[in-house]
Amino acid sequence: MSKTDSKLLRIEDLRLWFRTSKGPVKAVDDVSFELGYKEAVVVLGESGCGKSSLAKAILRLLPRNIDSYSGKVYLADQELMGLGEEEFRQNVRWVKMSLVPQAAMNSLNPVLKVGDQVAEPMMVHMGADKASALEAAKKMFAHVGVPQDFVNRYAFELSGGMRQRVAIAMSLVTTPLLVVLDEPTSALDVLTQANIMNVLKRIKKEFEVSFILITHDISTSSELADRVAVMYAGQIVETSDADRFFKAPLHPYSQKLMASVPRLHGDQEPEFIVGQPPSLLALPTGCRFAERCPYRFERCVEDPPVIKKDDRQVRCWLHV
């Protein structure tokens, strides 16, 4: 199957629940979506909806308190959930797909030079010697806009934007097929955010890599997105190509998200979504957005909505 008629990533009924003394936290609850080659999907949603847990589930970066972890994950037509942990660590994570985590300062080791940290995946997973791995790190620094002599600096000597670029370089040094970016601009000022997004757009084109960009920043993410997936209370409630989504989202939650974004032109005031998301410990039986939805009717409260499946998917009784 060629790249033109297959998907790079297919996720089917992925579940990640965490065990607590009060019961399971259903952070990722039977999530399914696809991602093409050289494509960027943006996962949008409020804090606490399960976006970062979705990244952990895909990359198998799991804590110890797992209650349930199941589903299917296919990367380049290889099924990953059946792989043993050592095989996954050695041959998939950092080799075929990698992560740019939140808060680069916390993810970089403060007592190691950043060049050594970027070189490490090449040495561990690709069998490169230190000299050639450091040379690869320098070349990757050039791609992301970091001066090459910064390989001898420590993380605390760099600005927030430079640390984020180092984290991006580390995720790309092994030339993976897929990079998952978890809130890569959340702790940065507006100008630095724009610079980082420009780096990502250039990298996507030069390296022909696919991105999963996890964020709550709608305005910034729209520059990179080919597709959009909206997450609410542990579920994907809408997936669409980016052009149609940003013009006319279908799910009531997506519509409210878009209405909350300030506009440069026009007199329309930003809106807010009334109420709070449901607890992932005690989810409602019907639609999880029903209590906050202005269009709800009796069936929304009683029955979980089915997904309308075509080129745009939406989990809502209004669109069945």
C-alpha atoms as a PDB file:
ATOM      1  CA  MET A   1       0.000   0.000   0.000  1.00  0.00           C
ATOM      2  CA  SER A   2       1.505   3.324  -1.027  1.00  0.00           C
ATOM      3  CA  LYS A   3       1.660   6.549   0.934  1.00  0.00           C
ATOM      4  CA  THR A   4      -0.922   8.082  -1.355  1.00  0.00           C
ATOM      5  CA  ASP A   5      -3.680   5.586  -0.538  1.00  0.00           C
ATOM      6  CA  SER A   6      -2.952   4.779   3.110  1.00  0.00           C
ATOM      7  CA  LYS A   7      -2.828   6.606   6.409  1.00  0.00           C
ATOM      8  CA  LEU A   8       0.308   7.098   8.446  1.00  0.00           C
ATOM      9  CA  LEU A   9      -1.541   6.741  11.759  1.00  0.00           C
ATOM     10  CA  ARG A  10      -4.799   4.975  12.516  1.00  0.00           C
ATOM     11  CA  ILE A  11      -6.205   4.870  16.028  1.00  0.00           C
ATOM     12  CA  GLU A  12      -9.180   2.650  16.798  1.00  0.00           C
ATOM     13  CA  ASP A  13     -11.098   2.632  20.096  1.00  0.00           C
ATOM     14  CA  LEU A  14      -8.087   3.765  22.123  1.00  0.00           C
ATOM     15  CA  ARG A  15      -8.751   3.768  25.850  1.00  0.00           C
ATOM     16  CA  LEU A  16      -6.618   4.989  28.735  1.00  0.00           C
ATOM     17  CA  TRP A  17      -8.216   5.024  32.173  1.00  0.00           C
ATOM     18  CA  PHE A  18      -6.342   5.827  35.369  1.00  0.00           C
ATOM     19  CA  ARG A  19      -6.942   4.018  38.650  1.00  0.00           C
ATOM     20  CA  THR A  20      -7.783   6.173  41.694  1.00  0.00           C
ATOM     21  CA  SER A  21      -9.286   5.578  45.131  1.00  0.00           C
ATOM     22  CA  LYS A  22     -12.559   7.114  43.867  1.00  0.00           C
ATOM     23  CA  GLY A  23     -12.768   4.981  40.734  1.00  0.00           C
ATOM     24  CA  PRO A  24     -11.347   5.068  37.201  1.00  0.00           C
ATOM     25  CA  VAL A  25     -10.566   8.411  35.544  1.00  0.00           C
ATOM     26  CA  LYS A  26     -11.663   7.975  31.918  1.00  0.00           C
ATOM     27  CA  ALA A  27      -9.068  10.309  30.397  1.00  0.00           C
ATOM     28  CA  VAL A  28      -9.131   8.730  26.917  1.00  0.00           C
ATOM     29  CA  ASP A  29     -12.365   6.897  26.250  1.00  0.00           C
ATOM     30  CA  ASP A  30     -12.627   4.892  23.012  1.00  0.00           C
ATOM     31  CA  VAL A  31     -10.958   7.482  20.760  1.00  0.00           C
ATOM     32  CA  SER A  32     -10.611   6.863  17.011  1.00  0.00           C
ATOM     33  CA  PHE A  33      -9.058   9.039  14.305  1.00  0.00           C
ATOM     34  CA  GLU A  34      -6.627   8.953  11.376  1.00  0.00           C
ATOM     35  CA  LEU A  35      -3.656  10.997  10.220  1.00  0.00           C
ATOM     36  CA  GLY A  36      -2.183  11.063   6.721  1.00  0.00           C
ATOM     37  CA  TYR A  37       1.421  11.279   5.590  1.00  0.00           C
ATOM     38  CA  LYS A  38       2.899  14.805   5.715  1.00  0.00           C
ATOM     39  CA  GLU A  39      -0.247  15.975   7.494  1.00  0.00           C
ATOM     40  CA  ALA A  40      -0.827  17.957  10.680  1.00  0.00           C
ATOM     41  CA  VAL A  41      -3.835  17.311  12.895  1.00  0.00           C
ATOM     42  CA  VAL A  42      -4.579  19.747  15.704  1.00  0.00           C
ATOM     43  CA  VAL A  43      -6.290  18.341  18.803  1.00  0.00           C
ATOM     44  CA  LEU A  44      -8.278  21.124  20.460  1.00  0.00           C
ATOM     45  CA  GLY A  45     -10.072  21.203  23.795  1.00  0.00           C
ATOM     46  CA  GLU A  46     -10.230  22.692  27.259  1.00  0.00           C
ATOM     47  CA  SER A  47      -7.721  21.844  29.977  1.00  0.00           C
ATOM     48  CA  GLY A  48      -8.491  18.477  31.540  1.00  0.00           C
ATOM     49  CA  CYS A  49     -10.302  17.034  28.517  1.00  0.00           C
ATOM     50  CA  GLY A  50      -7.693  14.290  27.983  1.00  0.00           C
ATOM     51  CA  LYS A  51      -5.467  15.784  25.260  1.00  0.00           C
ATOM     52  CA  SER A  52      -2.145  15.120  27.016  1.00  0.00           C
ATOM     53  CA  SER A  53      -3.343  11.681  28.094  1.00  0.00           C
ATOM     54  CA  LEU A  54      -4.037  10.936  24.423  1.00  0.00           C
ATOM     55  CA  ALA A  55      -0.396  11.774  23.635  1.00  0.00           C
ATOM     56  CA  LYS A  56       0.767   9.469  26.428  1.00  0.00           C
ATOM     57  CA  ALA A  57      -1.482   6.679  25.146  1.00  0.00           C
ATOM     58  CA  ILE A  58      -0.145   6.959  21.581  1.00  0.00           C
ATOM     59  CA  LEU A  59       3.503   7.021  22.694  1.00  0.00           C
ATOM     60  CA  ARG A  60       2.933   4.519  25.511  1.00  0.00           C
ATOM     61  CA  LEU A  61       4.355   6.879  28.141  1.00  0.00           C
ATOM     62  CA  LEU A  62       2.212   5.419  30.877  1.00  0.00           C
ATOM     63  CA  PRO A  63       2.146   5.987  34.649  1.00  0.00           C
ATOM     64  CA  ARG A  64       1.809   3.091  37.059  1.00  0.00           C
ATOM     65  CA  ASN A  65      -1.833   3.654  38.019  1.00  0.00           C
ATOM     66  CA  ILE A  66      -3.340   2.260  34.802  1.00  0.00           C
ATOM     67  CA  ASP A  67      -6.870   0.925  35.154  1.00  0.00           C
ATOM     68  CA  SER A  68      -7.478   0.186  31.463  1.00  0.00           C
ATOM     69  CA  TYR A  69      -5.294   0.567  28.367  1.00  0.00           C
ATOM     70  CA  SER A  70      -6.616  -0.926  25.139  1.00  0.00           C
ATOM     71  CA  GLY A  71      -7.430  -0.335  21.487  1.00  0.00           C
ATOM     72  CA  LYS A  72      -5.506  -0.398  18.209  1.00  0.00           C
ATOM     73  CA  VAL A  73      -2.723   1.932  17.049  1.00  0.00           C
ATOM     74  CA  TYR A  74      -1.339   1.471  13.532  1.00  0.00           C
ATOM     75  CA  LEU A  75       1.719   3.441  12.395  1.00  0.00           C
ATOM     76  CA  ALA A  76       2.617   3.007   8.708  1.00  0.00           C
ATOM     77  CA  ASP A  77       0.384  -0.104   8.739  1.00  0.00           C
ATOM     78  CA  GLN A  78       2.283  -1.656  11.673  1.00  0.00           C
ATOM     79  CA  GLU A  79       0.106  -2.516  14.657  1.00  0.00           C
ATOM     80  CA  LEU A  80       1.849  -1.177  17.753  1.00  0.00           C
ATOM     81  CA  MET A  81      -0.254  -2.286  20.720  1.00  0.00           C
ATOM     82  CA  GLY A  82       0.878  -5.892  20.311  1.00  0.00           C
ATOM     83  CA  LEU A  83       4.565  -4.993  20.598  1.00  0.00           C
ATOM     84  CA  GLY A  84       6.430  -5.713  23.823  1.00  0.00           C
ATOM     85  CA  GLU A  85       7.629  -2.744  25.855  1.00  0.00           C
ATOM     86  CA  GLU A  86      11.310  -3.209  24.984  1.00  0.00           C
ATOM     87  CA  GLU A  87      10.634  -3.566  21.262  1.00  0.00           C
ATOM     88  CA  PHE A  88       8.402  -0.485  21.348  1.00  0.00           C
ATOM     89  CA  ARG A  89      11.030   1.531  23.244  1.00  0.00           C
ATOM     90  CA  GLN A  90      13.887   0.510  20.991  1.00  0.00           C
ATOM     91  CA  ASN A  91      12.228   0.524  17.561  1.00  0.00           C
ATOM     92  CA  VAL A  92       9.218   2.872  17.726  1.00  0.00           C
ATOM     93  CA  ARG A  93       9.476   5.601  20.361  1.00  0.00           C
ATOM     94  CA  TRP A  94      12.000   8.252  19.220  1.00  0.00           C
ATOM     95  CA  VAL A  95      12.631   6.266  16.028  1.00  0.00           C
ATOM     96  CA  LYS A  96       9.278   6.308  14.206  1.00  0.00           C
ATOM     97  CA  MET A  97       7.441   8.757  16.432  1.00  0.00           C
ATOM     98  CA  SER A  98       8.610  11.217  19.056  1.00  0.00           C
ATOM     99  CA  LEU A  99       7.325  13.815  21.508  1.00  0.00           C
ATOM    100  CA  VAL A 100       7.817  17.500  22.177  1.00  0.00           C
ATOM    101  CA  PRO A 101       6.543  17.743  25.776  1.00  0.00           C
ATOM    102  CA  GLN A 102       5.034  20.665  27.638  1.00  0.00           C
ATOM    103  CA  ALA A 103       7.435  23.034  29.437  1.00  0.00           C
ATOM    104  CA  ALA A 104      10.772  22.384  27.728  1.00  0.00           C
ATOM    105  CA  MET A 105      12.732  23.558  30.776  1.00  0.00           C
ATOM    106  CA  ASN A 106      11.244  20.718  32.813  1.00  0.00           C
ATOM    107  CA  SER A 107      11.935  18.131  30.108  1.00  0.00           C
ATOM    108  CA  LEU A 108      15.604  19.068  29.606  1.00  0.00           C
ATOM    109  CA  ASN A 109      18.201  17.789  32.065  1.00  0.00           C
ATOM    110  CA  PRO A 110      19.724  20.834  33.825  1.00  0.00           C
ATOM    111  CA  VAL A 111      23.133  19.185  34.399  1.00  0.00           C
ATOM    112  CA  LEU A 112      23.715  17.981  30.820  1.00  0.00           C
ATOM    113  CA  LYS A 113      24.622  20.139  27.836  1.00  0.00           C
ATOM    114  CA  VAL A 114      21.707  20.482  25.445  1.00  0.00           C
ATOM    115  CA  GLY A 115      23.813  19.182  22.539  1.00  0.00           C
ATOM    116  CA  ASP A 116      24.405  15.922  24.391  1.00  0.00           C
ATOM    117  CA  GLN A 117      20.670  15.596  25.072  1.00  0.00           C
ATOM    118  CA  VAL A 118      19.763  16.110  21.409  1.00  0.00           C
ATOM    119  CA  ALA A 119      22.473  13.637  20.367  1.00  0.00           C
ATOM    120  CA  GLU A 120      21.356  10.935  22.815  1.00  0.00           C
ATOM    121  CA  PRO A 121      18.453   9.503  20.732  1.00  0.00           C
ATOM    122  CA  MET A 122      20.854   9.028  17.821  1.00  0.00           C
ATOM    123  CA  MET A 123      23.272   7.117  20.058  1.00  0.00           C
ATOM    124  CA  VAL A 124      20.674   5.001  21.852  1.00  0.00           C
ATOM    125  CA  HIS A 125      18.312   4.169  18.990  1.00  0.00           C
ATOM    126  CA  MET A 126      20.418   4.533  15.833  1.00  0.00           C
ATOM    127  CA  GLY A 127      23.738   3.202  17.142  1.00  0.00           C
ATOM    128  CA  ALA A 128      25.630   6.394  16.244  1.00  0.00           C
ATOM    129  CA  ASP A 129      28.921   7.259  17.945  1.00  0.00           C
ATOM    130  CA  LYS A 130      29.051  10.459  19.993  1.00  0.00           C
ATOM    131  CA  ALA A 131      30.951  12.522  17.435  1.00  0.00           C
ATOM    132  CA  SER A 132      28.545  11.807  14.574  1.00  0.00           C
ATOM    133  CA  ALA A 133      25.535  12.196  16.883  1.00  0.00           C
ATOM    134  CA  LEU A 134      26.753  15.647  17.981  1.00  0.00           C
ATOM    135  CA  GLU A 135      27.266  16.586  14.341  1.00  0.00           C
ATOM    136  CA  ALA A 136      23.679  15.545  13.639  1.00  0.00           C
ATOM    137  CA  ALA A 137      22.565  17.652  16.622  1.00  0.00           C
ATOM    138  CA  LYS A 138      24.365  20.699  15.190  1.00  0.00           C
ATOM    139  CA  LYS A 139      22.686  20.241  11.819  1.00  0.00           C
ATOM    140  CA  MET A 140      19.299  19.921  13.510  1.00  0.00           C
ATOM    141  CA  PHE A 141      19.971  23.073  15.534  1.00  0.00           C
ATOM    142  CA  ALA A 142      20.493  24.896  12.235  1.00  0.00           C
ATOM    143  CA  HIS A 143      17.124  23.643  10.972  1.00  0.00           C
ATOM    144  CA  VAL A 144      15.236  24.914  14.028  1.00  0.00           C
ATOM    145  CA  GLY A 145      17.092  28.216  14.316  1.00  0.00           C
ATOM    146  CA  VAL A 146      19.466  27.524  17.213  1.00  0.00           C
ATOM    147  CA  PRO A 147      23.117  28.674  16.866  1.00  0.00           C
ATOM    148  CA  GLN A 148      25.333  25.614  16.511  1.00  0.00           C
ATOM    149  CA  ASP A 149      27.653  26.660  19.342  1.00  0.00           C
ATOM    150  CA  PHE A 150      24.671  26.279  21.706  1.00  0.00           C
ATOM    151  CA  VAL A 151      25.419  22.526  21.772  1.00  0.00           C
ATOM    152  CA  ASN A 152      27.814  23.312  24.640  1.00  0.00           C
ATOM    153  CA  ARG A 153      25.295  25.274  26.686  1.00  0.00           C
ATOM    154  CA  TYR A 154      22.978  24.147  29.473  1.00  0.00           C
ATOM    155  CA  ALA A 155      19.199  24.542  29.451  1.00  0.00           C
ATOM    156  CA  PHE A 156      19.233  27.287  32.101  1.00  0.00           C
ATOM    157  CA  GLU A 157      21.444  29.393  29.836  1.00  0.00           C
ATOM    158  CA  LEU A 158      18.787  29.503  27.100  1.00  0.00           C
ATOM    159  CA  SER A 159      15.622  31.548  26.733  1.00  0.00           C
ATOM    160  CA  GLY A 160      12.230  29.839  26.781  1.00  0.00           C
ATOM    161  CA  GLY A 161      11.972  30.019  22.991  1.00  0.00           C
ATOM    162  CA  MET A 162      15.442  28.531  22.507  1.00  0.00           C
ATOM    163  CA  ARG A 163      14.684  25.714  24.947  1.00  0.00           C
ATOM    164  CA  GLN A 164      11.544  24.925  22.970  1.00  0.00           C
ATOM    165  CA  ARG A 165      13.552  24.842  19.740  1.00  0.00           C
ATOM    166  CA  VAL A 166      16.033  22.451  21.390  1.00  0.00           C
ATOM    167  CA  ALA A 167      13.128  20.171  22.377  1.00  0.00           C
ATOM    168  CA  ILE A 168      11.896  20.245  18.771  1.00  0.00           C
ATOM    169  CA  ALA A 169      15.414  19.431  17.520  1.00  0.00           C
ATOM    170  CA  MET A 170      15.579  16.451  19.894  1.00  0.00           C
ATOM    171  CA  SER A 171      12.266  15.111  18.558  1.00  0.00           C
ATOM    172  CA  LEU A 172      13.459  15.385  14.944  1.00  0.00           C
ATOM    173  CA  VAL A 173      17.070  14.203  15.137  1.00  0.00           C
ATOM    174  CA  THR A 174      16.156  10.578  14.364  1.00  0.00           C
ATOM    175  CA  THR A 175      13.920  11.706  11.431  1.00  0.00           C
ATOM    176  CA  PRO A 176      10.702  10.097  12.715  1.00  0.00           C
ATOM    177  CA  LEU A 177       7.522   9.801  10.656  1.00  0.00           C
ATOM    178  CA  LEU A 178       5.373  11.413  13.356  1.00  0.00           C
ATOM    179  CA  VAL A 179       5.993  14.065  15.998  1.00  0.00           C
ATOM    180  CA  VAL A 180       3.494  14.675  18.813  1.00  0.00           C
ATOM    181  CA  LEU A 181       3.669  18.238  20.137  1.00  0.00           C
ATOM    182  CA  ASP A 182       2.002  18.727  23.518  1.00  0.00           C
ATOM    183  CA  GLU A 183       1.237  22.444  24.043  1.00  0.00           C
ATOM    184  CA  PRO A 184       4.579  23.494  22.486  1.00  0.00           C
ATOM    185  CA  THR A 185       3.872  27.244  22.801  1.00  0.00           C
ATOM    186  CA  SER A 186       1.844  27.440  26.017  1.00  0.00           C
ATOM    187  CA  ALA A 187       4.551  29.029  28.220  1.00  0.00           C
ATOM    188  CA  LEU A 188       5.876  31.468  25.621  1.00  0.00           C
ATOM    189  CA  ASP A 189       5.120  35.098  24.784  1.00  0.00           C
ATOM    190  CA  VAL A 190       3.092  35.914  21.668  1.00  0.00           C
ATOM    191  CA  LEU A 191       6.076  36.817  19.455  1.00  0.00           C
ATOM    192  CA  THR A 192       7.980  33.665  20.435  1.00  0.00           C
ATOM    193  CA  GLN A 193       4.852  31.584  19.815  1.00  0.00           C
ATOM    194  CA  ALA A 194       4.669  32.947  16.266  1.00  0.00           C
ATOM    195  CA  ASN A 195       8.357  32.181  15.698  1.00  0.00           C
ATOM    196  CA  ILE A 196       7.949  28.591  16.946  1.00  0.00           C
ATOM    197  CA  MET A 197       4.932  28.053  14.682  1.00  0.00           C
ATOM    198  CA  ASN A 198       6.961  29.330  11.711  1.00  0.00           C
ATOM    199  CA  VAL A 199       9.692  26.818  12.599  1.00  0.00           C
ATOM    200  CA  LEU A 200       7.123  24.003  12.703  1.00  0.00           C
ATOM    201  CA  LYS A 201       5.637  24.976   9.327  1.00  0.00           C
ATOM    202  CA  ARG A 202       9.093  24.984   7.754  1.00  0.00           C
ATOM    203  CA  ILE A 203      10.065  21.674   9.386  1.00  0.00           C
ATOM    204  CA  LYS A 204       6.834  20.029   8.216  1.00  0.00           C
ATOM    205  CA  LYS A 205       7.647  20.989   4.634  1.00  0.00           C
ATOM    206  CA  GLU A 206      11.394  20.233   4.694  1.00  0.00           C
ATOM    207  CA  PHE A 207      11.247  16.914   6.564  1.00  0.00           C
ATOM    208  CA  GLU A 208       7.882  15.710   5.216  1.00  0.00           C
ATOM    209  CA  VAL A 209       6.922  14.805   8.772  1.00  0.00           C
ATOM    210  CA  SER A 210       3.433  14.498  10.231  1.00  0.00           C
ATOM    211  CA  PHE A 211       2.385  16.349  13.368  1.00  0.00           C
ATOM    212  CA  ILE A 212      -0.162  15.859  16.108  1.00  0.00           C
ATOM    213  CA  LEU A 213      -0.397  19.290  17.722  1.00  0.00           C
ATOM    214  CA  ILE A 214      -2.159  19.251  21.081  1.00  0.00           C
ATOM    215  CA  THR A 215      -3.279  22.688  22.178  1.00  0.00           C
ATOM    216  CA  HIS A 216      -6.079  24.917  23.420  1.00  0.00           C
ATOM    217  CA  ASP A 217      -4.799  27.861  21.379  1.00  0.00           C
ATOM    218  CA  ILE A 218      -7.136  27.963  18.389  1.00  0.00           C
ATOM    219  CA  SER A 219      -5.705  31.045  16.688  1.00  0.00           C
ATOM    220  CA  THR A 220      -2.100  29.792  16.708  1.00  0.00           C
ATOM    221  CA  SER A 221      -2.933  26.222  15.697  1.00  0.00           C
ATOM    222  CA  SER A 222      -4.923  27.294  12.634  1.00  0.00           C
ATOM    223  CA  GLU A 223      -1.678  28.191  10.839  1.00  0.00           C
ATOM    224  CA  LEU A 224      -0.376  24.611  10.946  1.00  0.00           C
ATOM    225  CA  ALA A 225      -3.516  22.483  10.796  1.00  0.00           C
ATOM    226  CA  ASP A 226      -4.526  20.302   7.860  1.00  0.00           C
ATOM    227  CA  ARG A 227      -7.166  18.591   9.997  1.00  0.00           C
ATOM    228  CA  VAL A 228      -8.772  19.315  13.345  1.00  0.00           C
ATOM    229  CA  ALA A 229      -9.940  16.946  16.090  1.00  0.00           C
ATOM    230  CA  VAL A 230     -11.954  18.419  18.950  1.00  0.00           C
ATOM    231  CA  MET A 231     -11.768  16.613  22.286  1.00  0.00           C
ATOM    232  CA  TYR A 232     -14.263  16.907  25.142  1.00  0.00           C
ATOM    233  CA  ALA A 233     -14.440  14.875  28.363  1.00  0.00           C
ATOM    234  CA  GLY A 234     -12.176  12.096  27.089  1.00  0.00           C
ATOM    235  CA  GLN A 235     -13.782  11.723  23.642  1.00  0.00           C
ATOM    236  CA  ILE A 236     -13.263  13.083  20.149  1.00  0.00           C
ATOM    237  CA  VAL A 237     -16.504  14.922  19.358  1.00  0.00           C
ATOM    238  CA  GLU A 238     -15.606  16.250  15.892  1.00  0.00           C
ATOM    239  CA  THR A 239     -12.988  15.684  13.191  1.00  0.00           C
ATOM    240  CA  SER A 240     -12.812  17.716  10.007  1.00  0.00           C
ATOM    241  CA  ASP A 241     -10.482  19.206   7.453  1.00  0.00           C
ATOM    242  CA  ALA A 242      -9.176  22.507   8.792  1.00  0.00           C
ATOM    243  CA  ASP A 243     -10.656  24.783   6.114  1.00  0.00           C
ATOM    244  CA  ARG A 244     -14.251  23.740   6.732  1.00  0.00           C
ATOM    245  CA  PHE A 245     -13.825  23.468  10.483  1.00  0.00           C
ATOM    246  CA  PHE A 246     -12.564  27.009  10.995  1.00  0.00           C
ATOM    247  CA  LYS A 247     -15.279  28.383   8.704  1.00  0.00           C
ATOM    248  CA  ALA A 248     -18.200  26.354  10.062  1.00  0.00           C
ATOM    249  CA  PRO A 249     -17.688  23.840  12.904  1.00  0.00           C
ATOM    250  CA  LEU A 250     -20.512  21.331  13.340  1.00  0.00           C
ATOM    251  CA  HIS A 251     -20.549  20.226  16.982  1.00  0.00           C
ATOM    252  CA  PRO A 252     -22.104  22.717  19.432  1.00  0.00           C
ATOM    253  CA  TYR A 253     -18.980  22.528  21.598  1.00  0.00           C
ATOM    254  CA  SER A 254     -16.770  23.291  18.587  1.00  0.00           C
ATOM    255  CA  GLN A 255     -19.006  26.230  17.737  1.00  0.00           C
ATOM    256  CA  LYS A 256     -18.660  27.582  21.269  1.00  0.00           C
ATOM    257  CA  LEU A 257     -14.878  27.141  21.153  1.00  0.00           C
ATOM    258  CA  MET A 258     -14.668  29.142  17.935  1.00  0.00           C
ATOM    259  CA  ALA A 259     -16.986  31.826  19.320  1.00  0.00           C
ATOM    260  CA  SER A 260     -14.624  32.289  22.293  1.00  0.00           C
ATOM    261  CA  VAL A 261     -11.759  33.450  20.053  1.00  0.00           C
ATOM    262  CA  PRO A 262     -11.322  37.269  19.893  1.00  0.00           C
ATOM    263  CA  ARG A 263     -11.668  38.732  16.395  1.00  0.00           C
ATOM    264  CA  LEU A 264      -9.494  41.434  14.862  1.00  0.00           C
ATOM    265  CA  HIS A 265     -12.308  42.578  12.596  1.00  0.00           C
ATOM    266  CA  GLY A 266     -15.988  43.078  13.373  1.00  0.00           C
ATOM    267  CA  ASP A 267     -17.920  44.032  16.473  1.00  0.00           C
ATOM    268  CA  GLN A 268     -18.717  40.524  17.724  1.00  0.00           C
ATOM    269  CA  GLU A 269     -17.749  40.039  21.373  1.00  0.00           C
ATOM    270  CA  PRO A 270     -16.043  36.772  22.384  1.00  0.00           C
ATOM    271  CA  GLU A 271     -18.436  34.317  24.027  1.00  0.00           C
ATOM    272  CA  PHE A 272     -17.839  31.943  26.908  1.00  0.00           C
ATOM    273  CA  ILE A 273     -19.136  28.449  27.550  1.00  0.00           C
ATOM    274  CA  VAL A 274     -21.482  28.306  30.515  1.00  0.00           C
ATOM    275  CA  GLY A 275     -20.738  25.702  33.176  1.00  0.00           C
ATOM    276  CA  GLN A 276     -17.923  23.219  33.690  1.00  0.00           C
ATOM    277  CA  PRO A 277     -16.917  19.997  31.912  1.00  0.00           C
ATOM    278  CA  PRO A 278     -18.132  16.833  33.651  1.00  0.00           C
ATOM    279  CA  SER A 279     -15.801  14.998  36.006  1.00  0.00           C
ATOM    280  CA  LEU A 280     -13.937  12.175  34.285  1.00  0.00           C
ATOM    281  CA  LEU A 281     -14.720  10.147  37.407  1.00  0.00           C
ATOM    282  CA  ALA A 282     -18.495  10.465  36.956  1.00  0.00           C
ATOM    283  CA  LEU A 283     -19.453  10.949  33.333  1.00  0.00           C
ATOM    284  CA  PRO A 284     -23.093  11.399  32.272  1.00  0.00           C
ATOM    285  CA  THR A 285     -24.933   8.590  30.479  1.00  0.00           C
ATOM    286  CA  GLY A 286     -25.930  10.677  27.466  1.00  0.00           C
ATOM    287  CA  CYS A 287     -24.007  13.333  25.583  1.00  0.00           C
ATOM    288  CA  ARG A 288     -21.140  14.592  27.723  1.00  0.00           C
ATOM    289  CA  PHE A 289     -21.711  18.173  26.565  1.00  0.00           C
ATOM    290  CA  ALA A 290     -25.480  18.117  27.123  1.00  0.00           C
ATOM    291  CA  GLU A 291     -25.499  20.101  30.384  1.00  0.00           C
ATOM    292  CA  ARG A 292     -23.722  23.026  28.681  1.00  0.00           C
ATOM    293  CA  CYS A 293     -25.349  22.751  25.242  1.00  0.00           C
ATOM    294  CA  PRO A 294     -27.949  25.344  24.178  1.00  0.00           C
ATOM    295  CA  TYR A 295     -29.471  22.868  21.676  1.00  0.00           C
ATOM    296  CA  ARG A 296     -29.977  19.859  23.951  1.00  0.00           C
ATOM    297  CA  PHE A 297     -33.177  17.872  23.923  1.00  0.00           C
ATOM    298  CA  GLU A 298     -34.378  14.794  25.778  1.00  0.00           C
ATOM    299  CA  ARG A 299     -32.420  12.221  23.785  1.00  0.00           C
ATOM    300  CA  CYS A 300     -29.139  14.080  24.444  1.00  0.00           C
ATOM    301  CA  VAL A 301     -29.489  13.505  28.180  1.00  0.00           C
ATOM    302  CA  GLU A 302     -30.537   9.859  27.914  1.00  0.00           C
ATOM    303  CA  ASP A 303     -28.473   8.312  25.102  1.00  0.00           C
ATOM    304  CA  PRO A 304     -24.792   8.691  24.125  1.00  0.00           C
ATOM    305  CA  PRO A 305     -24.737  10.123  20.586  1.00  0.00           C
ATOM    306  CA  VAL A 306     -23.483   8.025  17.709  1.00  0.00           C
ATOM    307  CA  ILE A 307     -20.851   9.371  15.329  1.00  0.00           C
ATOM    308  CA  LYS A 308     -21.898  10.554  11.901  1.00  0.00           C
ATOM    309  CA  LYS A 309     -19.157   9.086   9.721  1.00  0.00           C
ATOM    310  CA  ASP A 310     -18.211  10.671   6.408  1.00  0.00           C
ATOM    311  CA  ASP A 311     -15.402  13.043   5.460  1.00  0.00           C
ATOM    312  CA  ARG A 312     -16.411  15.062   8.542  1.00  0.00           C
ATOM    313  CA  GLN A 313     -17.260  13.173  11.733  1.00  0.00           C
ATOM    314  CA  VAL A 314     -19.349  14.592  14.546  1.00  0.00           C
ATOM    315  CA  ARG A 315     -20.611  12.992  17.762  1.00  0.00           C
ATOM    316  CA  CYS A 316     -23.970  14.760  18.103  1.00  0.00           C
ATOM    317  CA  TRP A 317     -27.654  13.845  17.755  1.00  0.00           C
ATOM    318  CA  LEU A 318     -28.237  17.038  15.733  1.00  0.00           C
ATOM    319  CA  HIS A 319     -26.204  15.577  12.863  1.00  0.00           C
ATOM    320  CA  VAL A 320     -27.330  11.949  12.753  1.00  0.00           C
END
